[in-house]
Protein backbone atom coordinates (compact mmCIF):
# COMPACT_ATOMS: atom_id res chain seq x y z
CA UNK A 1 28.18 213.86 -3.17
CA UNK A 2 26.11 215.30 -0.18
CA UNK A 3 27.42 218.44 1.34
CA UNK A 4 28.00 218.29 5.04
CA UNK A 5 26.81 221.28 7.15
CA UNK A 6 29.71 223.34 8.45
CA UNK A 7 27.80 224.98 11.28
CA UNK A 8 26.87 221.73 13.11
CA UNK A 9 29.03 219.73 15.38
CA UNK A 10 28.89 215.99 14.72
CA UNK A 11 29.49 213.92 17.70
CA UNK A 12 30.38 210.20 17.72
CA UNK A 13 27.36 208.11 18.63
CA UNK A 14 28.13 204.53 18.09
CA UNK A 15 29.38 202.32 20.91
CA UNK A 16 32.53 201.44 19.09
CA UNK A 17 33.45 205.07 18.44
CA UNK A 18 32.70 206.14 21.93
CA UNK A 19 34.84 203.19 23.30
CA UNK A 20 37.74 204.38 21.11
CA UNK A 21 37.29 207.89 22.19
CA UNK A 22 37.31 206.95 25.87
CA UNK A 23 40.52 204.96 25.60
CA UNK A 24 42.20 207.76 23.71
CA UNK A 25 40.98 210.38 26.12
CA UNK A 26 42.05 208.27 29.22
CA UNK A 27 45.54 207.97 27.78
CA UNK A 28 45.63 211.56 26.92
CA UNK A 29 44.47 212.49 30.43
CA UNK A 30 47.17 210.33 32.03
CA UNK A 31 49.80 211.91 29.74
CA UNK A 32 48.67 215.43 30.73
CA UNK A 33 48.84 214.42 34.34
CA UNK A 34 52.40 213.26 33.87
CA UNK A 35 53.34 216.44 32.01
CA UNK A 36 51.93 218.61 34.86
CA UNK A 37 53.93 216.74 37.40
CA UNK A 38 57.13 217.05 35.31
CA UNK A 39 56.47 220.71 34.87
CA UNK A 40 56.23 221.09 38.67
CA UNK A 41 59.68 219.67 39.04
CA UNK A 42 61.09 222.40 36.84
CA UNK A 43 62.39 225.43 38.85
CA UNK A 44 62.40 228.49 36.63
CA UNK A 45 64.84 231.26 37.37
CA UNK A 46 64.04 234.30 35.26
CA UNK A 47 60.94 236.18 34.36
CA UNK A 48 60.56 234.52 30.98
CA UNK A 49 60.97 231.05 32.41
CA UNK A 50 58.42 231.79 35.06
CA UNK A 51 55.96 233.05 32.47
CA UNK A 52 56.58 229.93 30.18
CA UNK A 53 56.20 227.69 33.23
CA UNK A 54 52.93 229.22 34.24
CA UNK A 55 51.60 229.07 30.70
CA UNK A 56 52.71 225.46 30.28
CA UNK A 57 51.00 224.27 33.47
CA UNK A 58 47.81 226.10 32.50
CA UNK A 59 47.91 224.55 29.01
CA UNK A 60 48.43 221.03 30.41
CA UNK A 61 45.66 221.43 32.87
CA UNK A 62 43.26 222.64 30.19
CA UNK A 63 44.14 219.79 27.86
CA UNK A 64 43.71 217.44 30.85
CA UNK A 65 40.21 218.87 31.56
CA UNK A 66 39.25 218.61 27.90
CA UNK A 67 40.37 214.95 27.77
CA UNK A 68 38.41 214.22 30.97
CA UNK A 69 35.33 215.71 29.34
CA UNK A 70 36.04 213.43 26.26
CA UNK A 71 36.34 210.53 28.50
CA UNK A 72 33.04 211.40 30.16
CA UNK A 73 31.42 211.66 26.66
CA UNK A 74 32.82 208.38 25.52
CA UNK A 75 31.72 206.45 28.55
CA UNK A 76 28.29 208.04 29.39
CA UNK A 77 27.32 210.56 26.57
CA UNK A 78 25.51 212.79 28.87
CA UNK A 79 22.91 215.22 27.38
CA UNK A 80 24.19 218.24 29.23
CA UNK A 81 27.63 217.86 27.64
CA UNK A 82 26.15 217.49 24.19
CA UNK A 83 24.10 220.55 24.66
CA UNK A 84 27.06 222.63 25.84
CA UNK A 85 29.25 221.45 22.86
CA UNK A 86 26.48 222.12 20.37
CA UNK A 87 26.04 225.75 21.63
CA UNK A 88 29.73 226.63 21.84
CA UNK A 89 31.79 224.26 19.62
CA UNK A 90 33.33 227.09 17.55
CA UNK A 91 34.55 228.78 20.70
CA UNK A 92 35.86 225.41 21.93
CA UNK A 93 37.75 224.78 18.61
CA UNK A 94 39.37 228.20 18.81
CA UNK A 95 40.40 227.74 22.47
CA UNK A 96 41.92 224.24 21.57
CA UNK A 97 43.72 225.80 18.62
CA UNK A 98 45.21 228.58 20.59
CA UNK A 99 46.21 226.18 23.41
CA UNK A 100 47.72 223.69 20.92
CA UNK A 101 49.90 226.33 19.42
CA UNK A 102 50.83 227.63 22.83
CA UNK A 103 51.68 224.18 24.01
CA UNK A 104 53.89 223.44 21.11
CA UNK A 105 55.72 226.79 21.67
CA UNK A 106 56.11 226.07 25.40
CA UNK A 107 57.49 222.54 24.82
CA UNK A 108 59.96 223.83 22.38
CA UNK A 109 60.93 226.57 24.73
CA UNK A 110 61.30 224.09 27.59
CA UNK A 111 63.41 221.70 25.40
CA UNK A 112 65.68 224.56 24.16
CA UNK A 113 66.38 226.43 27.38
CA UNK A 114 66.27 223.35 29.72
């Protein structure tokens, strides 16, 4: 069985895969927009709630931007986006992992202390 390189980012190239990616990212971007509007309705009262609110809004904005970039990749596959991802995909994966953990924690905090 051939060994896949671990230091190279593999991007989807076929039309079918990019179409699926664009549908997924458009739905995800819409959900992030909905979550941002719902977070803006929340009126925090204490310091910790203000902190969680600010972090939550930043997280949803970041995920929304990543999903918009995924939508752009799915529709057009621009070379500038591919070059940027090839150069810094490990940093991007680390950022996405930290944001994912933070978003789960903020959603749990929001649901518990609502």
